[in-house]
Amino acid sequence: MATGCRGQILVIASNVSLAGSLSVLLATEGYTVHTESCGLSALRYAWKHCPDLVIVDQQIQDLEEGCTCSEVRHHCQVMIVPIILLSPYAPLNDQAPQVIDEADACLPASCEPATLLGVVSSFLS
């Protein structure tokens, strides 16, 4: 973890509004946040900087459906980086079980901020 912060988080979201909201929410809580709207550039960033945690919007557009979590794991130098998947499906169901299985946690994209912060904190405490 970086000195003077609670952890470095990479947010991968093609939705600019979602990325901005997550960035503000997490930065307010003391996390250093880097956002990427392009899956391929996010993978390059993950490889170079190895964040402490990754939050992935399941609707990222430029990676094959279902490969985002496995690609992030493959590209991170430390393969134990936790991944939180934000799914458009609420409640979560069997629509994408492989993707959900590859994430350490899966939350509805519309979850309450306190819920997301609780999950983030559980991985970075």
Protein backbone atom coordinates (compact mmCIF):
# COMPACT_ATOMS: atom_id res chain seq x y z
CA MET A 1 0.00 0.00 0.00
CA ALA A 2 1.19 3.49 -0.78
CA THR A 3 2.42 5.62 2.10
CA GLY A 4 -0.07 8.19 3.39
CA CYS A 5 -3.17 6.62 1.87
CA ARG A 6 -5.51 3.76 2.65
CA GLY A 7 -4.69 1.98 -0.62
CA GLN A 8 -4.43 2.38 -4.37
CA ILE A 9 -7.59 1.47 -6.27
CA LEU A 10 -7.98 1.05 -10.01
CA VAL A 11 -11.53 1.70 -11.25
CA ILE A 12 -12.31 0.29 -14.70
CA ALA A 13 -15.57 1.77 -15.98
CA SER A 14 -16.59 2.95 -19.42
CA ASN A 15 -19.44 4.95 -17.89
CA VAL A 16 -17.87 8.34 -17.12
CA SER A 17 -20.51 9.18 -14.52
CA LEU A 18 -19.97 5.91 -12.66
CA ALA A 19 -16.18 6.30 -12.77
CA GLY A 20 -16.41 9.86 -11.48
CA SER A 21 -18.79 8.96 -8.66
CA LEU A 22 -16.60 6.06 -7.55
CA SER A 23 -13.48 8.20 -7.73
CA VAL A 24 -14.96 10.95 -5.54
CA LEU A 25 -16.46 8.47 -3.06
CA LEU A 26 -13.22 6.52 -2.64
CA ALA A 27 -10.92 9.56 -2.60
CA THR A 28 -13.08 11.14 0.11
CA GLU A 29 -12.42 8.04 2.20
CA GLY A 30 -8.65 8.40 1.79
CA TYR A 31 -7.97 6.02 -1.10
CA THR A 32 -5.80 6.92 -4.07
CA VAL A 33 -7.93 6.27 -7.15
CA HIS A 34 -6.97 5.85 -10.78
CA THR A 35 -9.76 5.46 -13.34
CA GLU A 36 -9.62 3.92 -16.79
CA SER A 37 -12.48 3.87 -19.28
CA CYS A 38 -10.74 1.52 -21.69
CA GLY A 39 -10.18 -2.09 -20.67
CA LEU A 40 -6.92 -2.43 -22.58
CA SER A 41 -5.35 0.68 -21.05
CA ALA A 42 -6.59 -0.49 -17.64
CA LEU A 43 -4.74 -3.77 -18.12
CA ARG A 44 -1.56 -1.88 -19.00
CA TYR A 45 -1.99 0.29 -15.91
CA ALA A 46 -2.60 -2.75 -13.70
CA TRP A 47 0.55 -4.42 -15.05
CA LYS A 48 2.71 -1.34 -14.49
CA HIS A 49 1.33 -0.14 -11.13
CA CYS A 50 -0.20 -3.25 -9.49
CA PRO A 51 -2.98 -1.55 -7.52
CA ASP A 52 -4.10 -2.80 -4.12
CA LEU A 53 -7.65 -3.37 -5.36
CA VAL A 54 -9.51 -3.24 -8.68
CA ILE A 55 -13.16 -2.31 -9.19
CA VAL A 56 -14.49 -3.43 -12.59
CA ASP A 57 -17.72 -2.37 -14.26
CA GLN A 58 -19.00 -5.54 -15.91
CA GLN A 59 -20.17 -3.48 -18.88
CA ILE A 60 -16.67 -2.41 -19.96
CA GLN A 61 -16.84 -2.32 -23.74
CA ASP A 62 -13.48 -3.19 -25.27
CA LEU A 63 -12.76 -6.57 -23.70
CA GLU A 64 -14.48 -9.82 -24.51
CA GLU A 65 -17.51 -10.56 -22.36
CA GLY A 66 -16.43 -12.40 -19.26
CA CYS A 67 -12.68 -11.91 -19.52
CA THR A 68 -12.15 -8.69 -17.56
CA CYS A 69 -11.49 -10.26 -14.15
CA SER A 70 -9.25 -13.00 -15.50
CA GLU A 71 -7.35 -10.51 -17.68
CA VAL A 72 -6.74 -8.19 -14.72
CA ARG A 73 -5.48 -11.13 -12.65
CA HIS A 74 -3.24 -12.23 -15.51
CA HIS A 75 -1.77 -8.76 -16.00
CA CYS A 76 -1.18 -7.85 -12.34
CA GLN A 77 2.31 -8.66 -11.14
CA VAL A 78 0.82 -9.83 -7.86
CA MET A 79 -2.02 -12.16 -8.78
CA ILE A 80 -3.68 -11.80 -5.38
CA VAL A 81 -5.06 -8.32 -6.05
CA PRO A 82 -8.73 -8.32 -4.97
CA ILE A 83 -11.29 -7.58 -7.68
CA ILE A 84 -14.77 -6.19 -7.04
CA LEU A 85 -17.13 -6.64 -9.97
CA LEU A 86 -19.98 -4.17 -10.40
CA SER A 87 -22.78 -5.91 -12.23
CA PRO A 88 -25.75 -4.28 -13.95
CA TYR A 89 -27.86 -7.21 -12.80
CA ALA A 90 -29.67 -6.60 -9.54
CA PRO A 91 -30.25 -8.81 -7.78
CA LEU A 92 -27.34 -10.87 -8.98
CA ASN A 93 -28.30 -14.07 -10.71
CA ASP A 94 -26.86 -16.78 -12.94
CA GLN A 95 -26.51 -14.55 -16.00
CA ALA A 96 -22.72 -14.55 -15.85
CA PRO A 97 -21.59 -17.14 -13.25
CA GLN A 98 -18.03 -17.49 -14.62
CA VAL A 99 -17.38 -13.76 -14.38
CA ILE A 100 -18.82 -13.61 -10.89
CA ASP A 101 -16.73 -16.61 -9.83
CA GLU A 102 -13.54 -14.87 -11.00
CA ALA A 103 -14.23 -11.79 -8.87
CA ASP A 104 -13.54 -11.67 -5.14
CA ALA A 105 -16.81 -9.81 -4.62
CA CYS A 106 -19.71 -8.94 -6.86
CA LEU A 107 -22.09 -6.08 -6.17
CA PRO A 108 -24.94 -4.52 -8.10
CA ALA A 109 -23.71 -1.37 -9.86
CA SER A 110 -26.52 0.46 -8.08
CA CYS A 111 -25.46 -0.61 -4.57
CA GLU A 112 -25.42 1.88 -1.73
CA PRO A 113 -22.10 3.72 -1.25
CA ALA A 114 -21.81 2.41 2.31
CA THR A 115 -22.06 -1.16 1.02
CA LEU A 116 -19.28 -0.62 -1.51
CA LEU A 117 -17.08 1.12 1.07
CA GLY A 118 -17.61 -1.75 3.49
CA VAL A 119 -16.47 -4.30 0.91
CA VAL A 120 -13.48 -2.16 -0.13
CA SER A 121 -12.49 -1.69 3.50
CA SER A 122 -12.72 -5.43 4.16
CA PHE A 123 -10.12 -6.09 1.46
CA LEU A 124 -7.78 -3.21 2.34
CA SER A 125 -7.77 -3.27 6.13
